[in-house]
PDB file of all heavy atoms in Angstrom:
ATOM      1  N   HIS A   1      -7.460   0.377 -17.298  1.00  0.00           N
ATOM      2  CA  HIS A   1      -8.138  -0.898 -17.095  1.00  0.00           C
ATOM      3  C   HIS A   1      -7.358  -1.847 -16.213  1.00  0.00           C
ATOM      4  O   HIS A   1      -7.914  -2.772 -15.652  1.00  0.00           O
ATOM      5  CB  HIS A   1      -8.459  -1.547 -18.447  1.00  0.00           C
ATOM      6  CG  HIS A   1      -7.256  -2.120 -19.122  1.00  0.00           C
ATOM      7  ND1 HIS A   1      -6.350  -1.342 -19.813  1.00  0.00           N
ATOM      8  CD2 HIS A   1      -6.785  -3.385 -19.177  1.00  0.00           C
ATOM      9  CE1 HIS A   1      -5.387  -2.106 -20.282  1.00  0.00           C
ATOM     10  NE2 HIS A   1      -5.622  -3.343 -19.913  1.00  0.00           N
ATOM     11  N   SER A   2      -6.051  -1.635 -16.074  1.00  0.00           N
ATOM     12  CA  SER A   2      -5.241  -2.562 -15.289  1.00  0.00           C
ATOM     13  C   SER A   2      -5.093  -2.134 -13.836  1.00  0.00           C
ATOM     14  O   SER A   2      -4.410  -2.783 -13.073  1.00  0.00           O
ATOM     15  CB  SER A   2      -3.852  -2.719 -15.914  1.00  0.00           C
ATOM     16  OG  SER A   2      -3.177  -1.484 -15.871  1.00  0.00           O
ATOM     17  N   THR A   3      -5.719  -1.050 -13.421  1.00  0.00           N
ATOM     18  CA  THR A   3      -5.638  -0.600 -12.049  1.00  0.00           C
ATOM     19  C   THR A   3      -6.520  -1.481 -11.172  1.00  0.00           C
ATOM     20  O   THR A   3      -7.649  -1.786 -11.532  1.00  0.00           O
ATOM     21  CB  THR A   3      -6.112   0.868 -11.953  1.00  0.00           C
ATOM     22  OG1 THR A   3      -5.299   1.643 -12.819  1.00  0.00           O
ATOM     23  CG2 THR A   3      -5.987   1.384 -10.547  1.00  0.00           C
ATOM     24  N   PRO A   4      -6.023  -1.888 -10.001  1.00  0.00           N
ATOM     25  CA  PRO A   4      -6.838  -2.730  -9.135  1.00  0.00           C
ATOM     26  C   PRO A   4      -8.108  -2.017  -8.719  1.00  0.00           C
ATOM     27  O   PRO A   4      -8.097  -0.812  -8.482  1.00  0.00           O
ATOM     28  CB  PRO A   4      -5.942  -2.986  -7.919  1.00  0.00           C
ATOM     29  CG  PRO A   4      -4.665  -2.301  -8.165  1.00  0.00           C
ATOM     30  CD  PRO A   4      -4.737  -1.577  -9.445  1.00  0.00           C
ATOM     31  N   GLU A   5      -9.194  -2.763  -8.634  1.00  0.00           N
ATOM     32  CA  GLU A   5     -10.456  -2.192  -8.203  1.00  0.00           C
ATOM     33  C   GLU A   5     -10.544  -2.145  -6.682  1.00  0.00           C
ATOM     34  O   GLU A   5     -11.295  -1.361  -6.138  1.00  0.00           O
ATOM     35  CB  GLU A   5     -11.616  -3.000  -8.779  1.00  0.00           C
ATOM     36  CG  GLU A   5     -11.675  -2.908 -10.291  1.00  0.00           C
ATOM     37  CD  GLU A   5     -12.718  -3.815 -10.877  1.00  0.00           C
ATOM     38  OE1 GLU A   5     -13.457  -4.455 -10.115  1.00  0.00           O
ATOM     39  OE2 GLU A   5     -12.779  -3.883 -12.106  1.00  0.00           O
ATOM     40  N   LYS A   6      -9.806  -2.992  -6.001  1.00  0.00           N
ATOM     41  CA  LYS A   6      -9.845  -3.041  -4.547  1.00  0.00           C
ATOM     42  C   LYS A   6      -8.421  -2.971  -4.011  1.00  0.00           C
ATOM     43  O   LYS A   6      -7.527  -3.629  -4.520  1.00  0.00           O
ATOM     44  CB  LYS A   6     -10.495  -4.332  -4.067  1.00  0.00           C
ATOM     45  CG  LYS A   6     -11.948  -4.444  -4.452  1.00  0.00           C
ATOM     46  CD  LYS A   6     -12.544  -5.707  -3.924  1.00  0.00           C
ATOM     47  CE  LYS A   6     -14.007  -5.780  -4.333  1.00  0.00           C
ATOM     48  NZ  LYS A   6     -14.671  -6.915  -3.712  1.00  0.00           N
ATOM     49  N   LEU A   7      -8.249  -2.156  -2.996  1.00  0.00           N
ATOM     50  CA  LEU A   7      -6.956  -2.035  -2.342  1.00  0.00           C
ATOM     51  C   LEU A   7      -7.139  -2.306  -0.857  1.00  0.00           C
ATOM     52  O   LEU A   7      -8.196  -2.024  -0.303  1.00  0.00           O
ATOM     53  CB  LEU A   7      -6.384  -0.631  -2.549  1.00  0.00           C
ATOM     54  CG  LEU A   7      -6.061  -0.242  -3.985  1.00  0.00           C
ATOM     55  CD1 LEU A   7      -5.682   1.232  -4.055  1.00  0.00           C
ATOM     56  CD2 LEU A   7      -4.948  -1.105  -4.529  1.00  0.00           C
ATOM     57  N   PRO A   8      -6.115  -2.823  -0.191  1.00  0.00           N
ATOM     58  CA  PRO A   8      -6.226  -3.070   1.245  1.00  0.00           C
ATOM     59  C   PRO A   8      -6.432  -1.764   2.007  1.00  0.00           C
ATOM     60  O   PRO A   8      -5.979  -0.698   1.587  1.00  0.00           O
ATOM     61  CB  PRO A   8      -4.879  -3.696   1.618  1.00  0.00           C
ATOM     62  CG  PRO A   8      -4.275  -4.133   0.347  1.00  0.00           C
ATOM     63  CD  PRO A   8      -4.833  -3.251  -0.725  1.00  0.00           C
ATOM     64  N   ALA A   9      -7.085  -1.877   3.142  1.00  0.00           N
ATOM     65  CA  ALA A   9      -7.258  -0.725   4.022  1.00  0.00           C
ATOM     66  C   ALA A   9      -5.889  -0.300   4.546  1.00  0.00           C
ATOM     67  O   ALA A   9      -4.982  -1.129   4.688  1.00  0.00           O
ATOM     68  CB  ALA A   9      -8.186  -1.079   5.176  1.00  0.00           C
ATOM     69  N   PRO A  10      -5.707   0.979   4.816  1.00  0.00           N
ATOM     70  CA  PRO A  10      -4.425   1.430   5.367  1.00  0.00           C
ATOM     71  C   PRO A  10      -4.093   0.711   6.678  1.00  0.00           C
ATOM     72  O   PRO A  10      -4.986   0.340   7.446  1.00  0.00           O
ATOM     73  CB  PRO A  10      -4.657   2.919   5.630  1.00  0.00           C
ATOM     74  CG  PRO A  10      -5.802   3.299   4.763  1.00  0.00           C
ATOM     75  CD  PRO A  10      -6.657   2.066   4.649  1.00  0.00           C
ATOM     76  N   CYS A  11      -2.805   0.537   6.911  1.00  0.00           N
ATOM     77  CA  CYS A  11      -2.341  -0.031   8.167  1.00  0.00           C
ATOM     78  C   CYS A  11      -1.245   0.880   8.707  1.00  0.00           C
ATOM     79  O   CYS A  11      -0.949   1.909   8.112  1.00  0.00           O
ATOM     80  CB  CYS A  11      -1.849  -1.471   7.973  1.00  0.00           C
ATOM     81  SG  CYS A  11      -0.416  -1.631   6.882  1.00  0.00           S
ATOM     82  N   ARG A  12      -0.649   0.514   9.802  1.00  0.00           N
ATOM     83  CA  ARG A  12       0.342   1.382  10.440  1.00  0.00           C
ATOM     84  C   ARG A  12       1.526   1.689   9.525  1.00  0.00           C
ATOM     85  O   ARG A  12       2.023   2.804   9.495  1.00  0.00           O
ATOM     86  CB  ARG A  12       0.821   0.736  11.739  1.00  0.00           C
ATOM     87  CG  ARG A  12       1.576   1.659  12.634  1.00  0.00           C
ATOM     88  CD  ARG A  12       1.721   1.115  14.034  1.00  0.00           C
ATOM     89  NE  ARG A  12       1.920  -0.318  14.048  1.00  0.00           N
ATOM     90  CZ  ARG A  12       2.958  -0.927  14.576  1.00  0.00           C
ATOM     91  NH1 ARG A  12       3.888  -0.240  15.172  1.00  0.00           N
ATOM     92  NH2 ARG A  12       3.058  -2.237  14.538  1.00  0.00           N
ATOM     93  N   GLN A  13       1.996   0.717   8.741  1.00  0.00           N
ATOM     94  CA  GLN A  13       3.181   0.909   7.909  1.00  0.00           C
ATOM     95  C   GLN A  13       2.900   1.144   6.430  1.00  0.00           C
ATOM     96  O   GLN A  13       3.824   1.426   5.683  1.00  0.00           O
ATOM     97  CB  GLN A  13       4.124  -0.310   8.012  1.00  0.00           C
ATOM     98  CG  GLN A  13       5.051  -0.271   9.180  1.00  0.00           C
ATOM     99  CD  GLN A  13       4.375  -0.737  10.450  1.00  0.00           C
ATOM    100  OE1 GLN A  13       3.406  -1.465  10.410  1.00  0.00           O
ATOM    101  NE2 GLN A  13       4.885  -0.304  11.585  1.00  0.00           N
ATOM    102  N   ALA A  14       1.653   1.001   5.985  1.00  0.00           N
ATOM    103  CA  ALA A  14       1.387   1.123   4.544  1.00  0.00           C
ATOM    104  C   ALA A  14       0.012   1.716   4.264  1.00  0.00           C
ATOM    105  O   ALA A  14      -0.938   1.495   5.009  1.00  0.00           O
ATOM    106  CB  ALA A  14       1.502  -0.248   3.879  1.00  0.00           C
ATOM    107  N   ARG A  15      -0.021   2.429   3.166  1.00  0.00           N
ATOM    108  CA  ARG A  15      -1.270   2.977   2.639  1.00  0.00           C
ATOM    109  C   ARG A  15      -1.159   2.909   1.128  1.00  0.00           C
ATOM    110  O   ARG A  15      -0.124   3.266   0.559  1.00  0.00           O
ATOM    111  CB  ARG A  15      -1.418   4.427   3.097  1.00  0.00           C
ATOM    112  CG  ARG A  15      -2.569   5.183   2.478  1.00  0.00           C
ATOM    113  CD  ARG A  15      -2.664   6.582   3.068  1.00  0.00           C
ATOM    114  NE  ARG A  15      -1.835   7.534   2.368  1.00  0.00           N
ATOM    115  CZ  ARG A  15      -2.287   8.375   1.424  1.00  0.00           C
ATOM    116  NH1 ARG A  15      -3.560   8.356   1.061  1.00  0.00           N
ATOM    117  NH2 ARG A  15      -1.470   9.227   0.839  1.00  0.00           N
ATOM    118  N   SER A  16      -2.205   2.419   0.468  1.00  0.00           N
ATOM    119  CA  SER A  16      -2.235   2.342  -0.993  1.00  0.00           C
ATOM    120  C   SER A  16      -3.304   3.269  -1.523  1.00  0.00           C
ATOM    121  O   SER A  16      -4.376   3.406  -0.930  1.00  0.00           O
ATOM    122  CB  SER A  16      -2.547   0.912  -1.451  1.00  0.00           C
ATOM    123  OG  SER A  16      -1.524   0.037  -1.064  1.00  0.00           O
ATOM    124  N   TYR A  17      -3.005   3.899  -2.649  1.00  0.00           N
ATOM    125  CA  TYR A  17      -3.985   4.761  -3.295  1.00  0.00           C
ATOM    126  C   TYR A  17      -3.713   4.797  -4.796  1.00  0.00           C
ATOM    127  O   TYR A  17      -2.630   4.424  -5.252  1.00  0.00           O
ATOM    128  CB  TYR A  17      -3.993   6.165  -2.685  1.00  0.00           C
ATOM    129  CG  TYR A  17      -2.696   6.927  -2.822  1.00  0.00           C
ATOM    130  CD1 TYR A  17      -2.481   7.797  -3.895  1.00  0.00           C
ATOM    131  CD2 TYR A  17      -1.691   6.803  -1.862  1.00  0.00           C
ATOM    132  CE1 TYR A  17      -1.294   8.510  -4.009  1.00  0.00           C
ATOM    133  CE2 TYR A  17      -0.504   7.516  -1.973  1.00  0.00           C
ATOM    134  CZ  TYR A  17      -0.319   8.369  -3.044  1.00  0.00           C
ATOM    135  OH  TYR A  17       0.858   9.071  -3.163  1.00  0.00           O
ATOM    136  N   LEU A  18      -4.713   5.234  -5.534  1.00  0.00           N
ATOM    137  CA  LEU A  18      -4.599   5.334  -6.983  1.00  0.00           C
ATOM    138  C   LEU A  18      -4.270   6.767  -7.367  1.00  0.00           C
ATOM    139  O   LEU A  18      -4.810   7.708  -6.786  1.00  0.00           O
ATOM    140  CB  LEU A  18      -5.904   4.919  -7.650  1.00  0.00           C
ATOM    141  CG  LEU A  18      -6.379   3.502  -7.342  1.00  0.00           C
ATOM    142  CD1 LEU A  18      -7.707   3.233  -8.031  1.00  0.00           C
ATOM    143  CD2 LEU A  18      -5.339   2.496  -7.737  1.00  0.00           C
ATOM    144  N   ALA A  19      -3.381   6.921  -8.332  1.00  0.00           N
ATOM    145  CA  ALA A  19      -3.027   8.237  -8.839  1.00  0.00           C
ATOM    146  C   ALA A  19      -2.639   8.108 -10.306  1.00  0.00           C
ATOM    147  O   ALA A  19      -1.708   7.373 -10.639  1.00  0.00           O
ATOM    148  CB  ALA A  19      -1.871   8.839  -8.044  1.00  0.00           C
ATOM    149  N   ARG A  20      -3.388   8.761 -11.182  1.00  0.00           N
ATOM    150  CA  ARG A  20      -3.091   8.781 -12.627  1.00  0.00           C
ATOM    151  C   ARG A  20      -2.885   7.399 -13.220  1.00  0.00           C
ATOM    152  O   ARG A  20      -1.951   7.173 -13.982  1.00  0.00           O
ATOM    153  CB  ARG A  20      -1.876   9.638 -12.904  1.00  0.00           C
ATOM    154  CG  ARG A  20      -2.107  11.087 -12.604  1.00  0.00           C
ATOM    155  CD  ARG A  20      -0.974  11.907 -13.128  1.00  0.00           C
ATOM    156  NE  ARG A  20      -0.693  12.923 -12.142  1.00  0.00           N
ATOM    157  CZ  ARG A  20       0.458  13.520 -12.013  1.00  0.00           C
ATOM    158  NH1 ARG A  20       1.451  13.228 -12.805  1.00  0.00           N
ATOM    159  NH2 ARG A  20       0.627  14.439 -11.108  1.00  0.00           N
ATOM    160  N   GLY A  21      -3.707   6.458 -12.836  1.00  0.00           N
ATOM    161  CA  GLY A  21      -3.635   5.111 -13.400  1.00  0.00           C
ATOM    162  C   GLY A  21      -2.583   4.222 -12.769  1.00  0.00           C
ATOM    163  O   GLY A  21      -2.415   3.086 -13.173  1.00  0.00           O
ATOM    164  N   SER A  22      -1.863   4.723 -11.780  1.00  0.00           N
ATOM    165  CA  SER A  22      -0.860   3.935 -11.069  1.00  0.00           C
ATOM    166  C   SER A  22      -1.349   3.656  -9.654  1.00  0.00           C
ATOM    167  O   SER A  22      -2.164   4.396  -9.110  1.00  0.00           O
ATOM    168  CB  SER A  22       0.461   4.707 -10.977  1.00  0.00           C
ATOM    169  OG  SER A  22       0.988   4.940 -12.255  1.00  0.00           O
ATOM    170  N   THR A  23      -0.812   2.597  -9.069  1.00  0.00           N
ATOM    171  CA  THR A  23      -1.077   2.323  -7.666  1.00  0.00           C
ATOM    172  C   THR A  23       0.161   2.718  -6.881  1.00  0.00           C
ATOM    173  O   THR A  23       1.256   2.232  -7.161  1.00  0.00           O
ATOM    174  CB  THR A  23      -1.381   0.828  -7.435  1.00  0.00           C
ATOM    175  OG1 THR A  23      -2.500   0.463  -8.238  1.00  0.00           O
ATOM    176  CG2 THR A  23      -1.696   0.567  -5.968  1.00  0.00           C
ATOM    177  N   VAL A  24      -0.031   3.621  -5.929  1.00  0.00           N
ATOM    178  CA  VAL A  24       1.057   4.071  -5.073  1.00  0.00           C
ATOM    179  C   VAL A  24       0.937   3.346  -3.742  1.00  0.00           C
ATOM    180  O   VAL A  24      -0.130   3.359  -3.121  1.00  0.00           O
ATOM    181  CB  VAL A  24       1.016   5.598  -4.852  1.00  0.00           C
ATOM    182  CG1 VAL A  24       2.150   6.043  -3.930  1.00  0.00           C
ATOM    183  CG2 VAL A  24       1.063   6.338  -6.180  1.00  0.00           C
ATOM    184  N   VAL A  25       2.021   2.699  -3.323  1.00  0.00           N
ATOM    185  CA  VAL A  25       2.086   2.052  -2.017  1.00  0.00           C
ATOM    186  C   VAL A  25       3.060   2.883  -1.200  1.00  0.00           C
ATOM    187  O   VAL A  25       4.264   2.873  -1.454  1.00  0.00           O
ATOM    188  CB  VAL A  25       2.540   0.581  -2.105  1.00  0.00           C
ATOM    189  CG1 VAL A  25       2.584  -0.044  -0.722  1.00  0.00           C
ATOM    190  CG2 VAL A  25       1.617  -0.216  -3.033  1.00  0.00           C
ATOM    191  N   GLU A  26       2.511   3.619  -0.265  1.00  0.00           N
ATOM    192  CA  GLU A  26       3.289   4.534   0.570  1.00  0.00           C
ATOM    193  C   GLU A  26       3.625   3.827   1.880  1.00  0.00           C
ATOM    194  O   GLU A  26       2.725   3.393   2.598  1.00  0.00           O
ATOM    195  CB  GLU A  26       2.420   5.759   0.824  1.00  0.00           C
ATOM    196  CG  GLU A  26       3.019   6.866   1.602  1.00  0.00           C
ATOM    197  CD  GLU A  26       1.987   7.982   1.762  1.00  0.00           C
ATOM    198  OE1 GLU A  26       1.852   8.802   0.833  1.00  0.00           O
ATOM    199  OE2 GLU A  26       1.321   7.994   2.810  1.00  0.00           O
ATOM    200  N   LEU A  27       4.914   3.700   2.182  1.00  0.00           N
ATOM    201  CA  LEU A  27       5.353   3.002   3.382  1.00  0.00           C
ATOM    202  C   LEU A  27       5.799   4.000   4.445  1.00  0.00           C
ATOM    203  O   LEU A  27       6.285   5.088   4.112  1.00  0.00           O
ATOM    204  CB  LEU A  27       6.485   2.033   3.048  1.00  0.00           C
ATOM    205  CG  LEU A  27       6.177   0.999   1.963  1.00  0.00           C
ATOM    206  CD1 LEU A  27       7.362   0.073   1.753  1.00  0.00           C
ATOM    207  CD2 LEU A  27       4.929   0.213   2.302  1.00  0.00           C
ATOM    208  N   HIS A  28       5.642   3.600   5.720  1.00  0.00           N
ATOM    209  CA  HIS A  28       5.935   4.494   6.838  1.00  0.00           C
ATOM    210  C   HIS A  28       6.675   3.760   7.952  1.00  0.00           C
ATOM    211  O   HIS A  28       6.464   2.562   8.157  1.00  0.00           O
ATOM    212  CB  HIS A  28       4.629   5.031   7.452  1.00  0.00           C
ATOM    213  CG  HIS A  28       3.755   5.723   6.494  1.00  0.00           C
ATOM    214  ND1 HIS A  28       3.893   7.053   6.194  1.00  0.00           N
ATOM    215  CD2 HIS A  28       2.720   5.276   5.757  1.00  0.00           C
ATOM    216  CE1 HIS A  28       2.980   7.389   5.311  1.00  0.00           C
ATOM    217  NE2 HIS A  28       2.259   6.332   5.021  1.00  0.00           N
ATOM    218  N   GLY A  29       7.495   4.491   8.686  1.00  0.00           N
ATOM    219  CA  GLY A  29       8.075   3.989   9.926  1.00  0.00           C
ATOM    220  C   GLY A  29       9.136   2.932   9.728  1.00  0.00           C
ATOM    221  O   GLY A  29       9.970   3.007   8.836  1.00  0.00           O
ATOM    222  N   THR A  30       9.069   1.908  10.582  1.00  0.00           N
ATOM    223  CA  THR A  30      10.030   0.810  10.576  1.00  0.00           C
ATOM    224  C   THR A  30       9.478  -0.346   9.762  1.00  0.00           C
ATOM    225  O   THR A  30       8.392  -0.844  10.047  1.00  0.00           O
ATOM    226  CB  THR A  30      10.305   0.344  12.016  1.00  0.00           C
ATOM    227  OG1 THR A  30      10.894   1.434  12.722  1.00  0.00           O
ATOM    228  CG2 THR A  30      11.226  -0.854  12.051  1.00  0.00           C
ATOM    229  N   ILE A  31      10.249  -0.763   8.765  1.00  0.00           N
ATOM    230  CA  ILE A  31       9.853  -1.890   7.925  1.00  0.00           C
ATOM    231  C   ILE A  31      10.879  -2.997   8.158  1.00  0.00           C
ATOM    232  O   ILE A  31      12.056  -2.833   7.863  1.00  0.00           O
ATOM    233  CB  ILE A  31       9.828  -1.514   6.427  1.00  0.00           C
ATOM    234  CG1 ILE A  31       9.063  -0.209   6.194  1.00  0.00           C
ATOM    235  CG2 ILE A  31       9.266  -2.663   5.598  1.00  0.00           C
ATOM    236  CD1 ILE A  31       7.619  -0.232   6.613  1.00  0.00           C
ATOM    237  N   ASP A  32      10.400  -4.107   8.715  1.00  0.00           N
ATOM    238  CA  ASP A  32      11.292  -5.232   9.000  1.00  0.00           C
ATOM    239  C   ASP A  32      10.518  -6.534   8.866  1.00  0.00           C
ATOM    240  O   ASP A  32       9.364  -6.539   8.420  1.00  0.00           O
ATOM    241  CB  ASP A  32      11.948  -5.092  10.379  1.00  0.00           C
ATOM    242  CG  ASP A  32      10.944  -5.023  11.518  1.00  0.00           C
ATOM    243  OD1 ASP A  32       9.772  -5.442  11.357  1.00  0.00           O
ATOM    244  OD2 ASP A  32      11.328  -4.545  12.595  1.00  0.00           O
ATOM    245  N   LEU A  33      11.153  -7.609   9.258  1.00  0.00           N
ATOM    246  CA  LEU A  33      10.552  -8.941   9.110  1.00  0.00           C
ATOM    247  C   LEU A  33       9.165  -9.033   9.748  1.00  0.00           C
ATOM    248  O   LEU A  33       8.281  -9.705   9.218  1.00  0.00           O
ATOM    249  CB  LEU A  33      11.492  -9.989   9.710  1.00  0.00           C
ATOM    250  CG  LEU A  33      11.136 -11.445   9.489  1.00  0.00           C
ATOM    251  CD1 LEU A  33      11.080 -11.766   8.006  1.00  0.00           C
ATOM    252  CD2 LEU A  33      12.144 -12.337  10.186  1.00  0.00           C
ATOM    253  N   SER A  34       8.941  -8.320  10.833  1.00  0.00           N
ATOM    254  CA  SER A  34       7.648  -8.402  11.518  1.00  0.00           C
ATOM    255  C   SER A  34       6.547  -7.610  10.820  1.00  0.00           C
ATOM    256  O   SER A  34       5.368  -7.896  11.003  1.00  0.00           O
ATOM    257  CB  SER A  34       7.778  -7.934  12.976  1.00  0.00           C
ATOM    258  OG  SER A  34       8.049  -6.553  13.027  1.00  0.00           O
ATOM    259  N   THR A  35       6.892  -6.612  10.015  1.00  0.00           N
ATOM    260  CA  THR A  35       5.883  -5.784   9.359  1.00  0.00           C
ATOM    261  C   THR A  35       5.684  -6.104   7.875  1.00  0.00           C
ATOM    262  O   THR A  35       4.683  -5.711   7.297  1.00  0.00           O
ATOM    263  CB  THR A  35       6.232  -4.286   9.508  1.00  0.00           C
ATOM    264  OG1 THR A  35       7.511  -4.045   8.925  1.00  0.00           O
ATOM    265  CG2 THR A  35       6.231  -3.864  10.965  1.00  0.00           C
ATOM    266  N   VAL A  36       6.630  -6.820   7.285  1.00  0.00           N
ATOM    267  CA  VAL A  36       6.544  -7.134   5.859  1.00  0.00           C
ATOM    268  C   VAL A  36       5.265  -7.891   5.483  1.00  0.00           C
ATOM    269  O   VAL A  36       4.651  -7.566   4.462  1.00  0.00           O
ATOM    270  CB  VAL A  36       7.818  -7.860   5.369  1.00  0.00           C
ATOM    271  CG1 VAL A  36       7.590  -8.567   4.048  1.00  0.00           C
ATOM    272  CG2 VAL A  36       8.959  -6.860   5.233  1.00  0.00           C
ATOM    273  N   PRO A  37       4.791  -8.873   6.270  1.00  0.00           N
ATOM    274  CA  PRO A  37       3.572  -9.577   5.837  1.00  0.00           C
ATOM    275  C   PRO A  37       2.363  -8.657   5.657  1.00  0.00           C
ATOM    276  O   PRO A  37       1.607  -8.812   4.687  1.00  0.00           O
ATOM    277  CB  PRO A  37       3.335 -10.586   6.965  1.00  0.00           C
ATOM    278  CG  PRO A  37       4.705 -10.843   7.514  1.00  0.00           C
ATOM    279  CD  PRO A  37       5.395  -9.506   7.444  1.00  0.00           C
ATOM    280  N   GLU A  38       2.184  -7.683   6.529  1.00  0.00           N
ATOM    281  CA  GLU A  38       1.064  -6.753   6.391  1.00  0.00           C
ATOM    282  C   GLU A  38       1.254  -5.848   5.173  1.00  0.00           C
ATOM    283  O   GLU A  38       0.322  -5.566   4.434  1.00  0.00           O
ATOM    284  CB  GLU A  38       0.927  -5.916   7.661  1.00  0.00           C
ATOM    285  CG  GLU A  38      -0.358  -5.145   7.728  1.00  0.00           C
ATOM    286  CD  GLU A  38      -0.606  -4.563   9.103  1.00  0.00           C
ATOM    287  OE1 GLU A  38       0.355  -4.339   9.861  1.00  0.00           O
ATOM    288  OE2 GLU A  38      -1.790  -4.317   9.399  1.00  0.00           O
TER     289      GLU A  38
END
């Protein structure tokens, strides 16, 4: 019941998905001050 019903669309550095009641936020590439807001 605590899993989000809506997740942001994938972007260049992040993708979110649901797995076994958890939300997985998968990060990619370079993560820095310019990409953190997205």
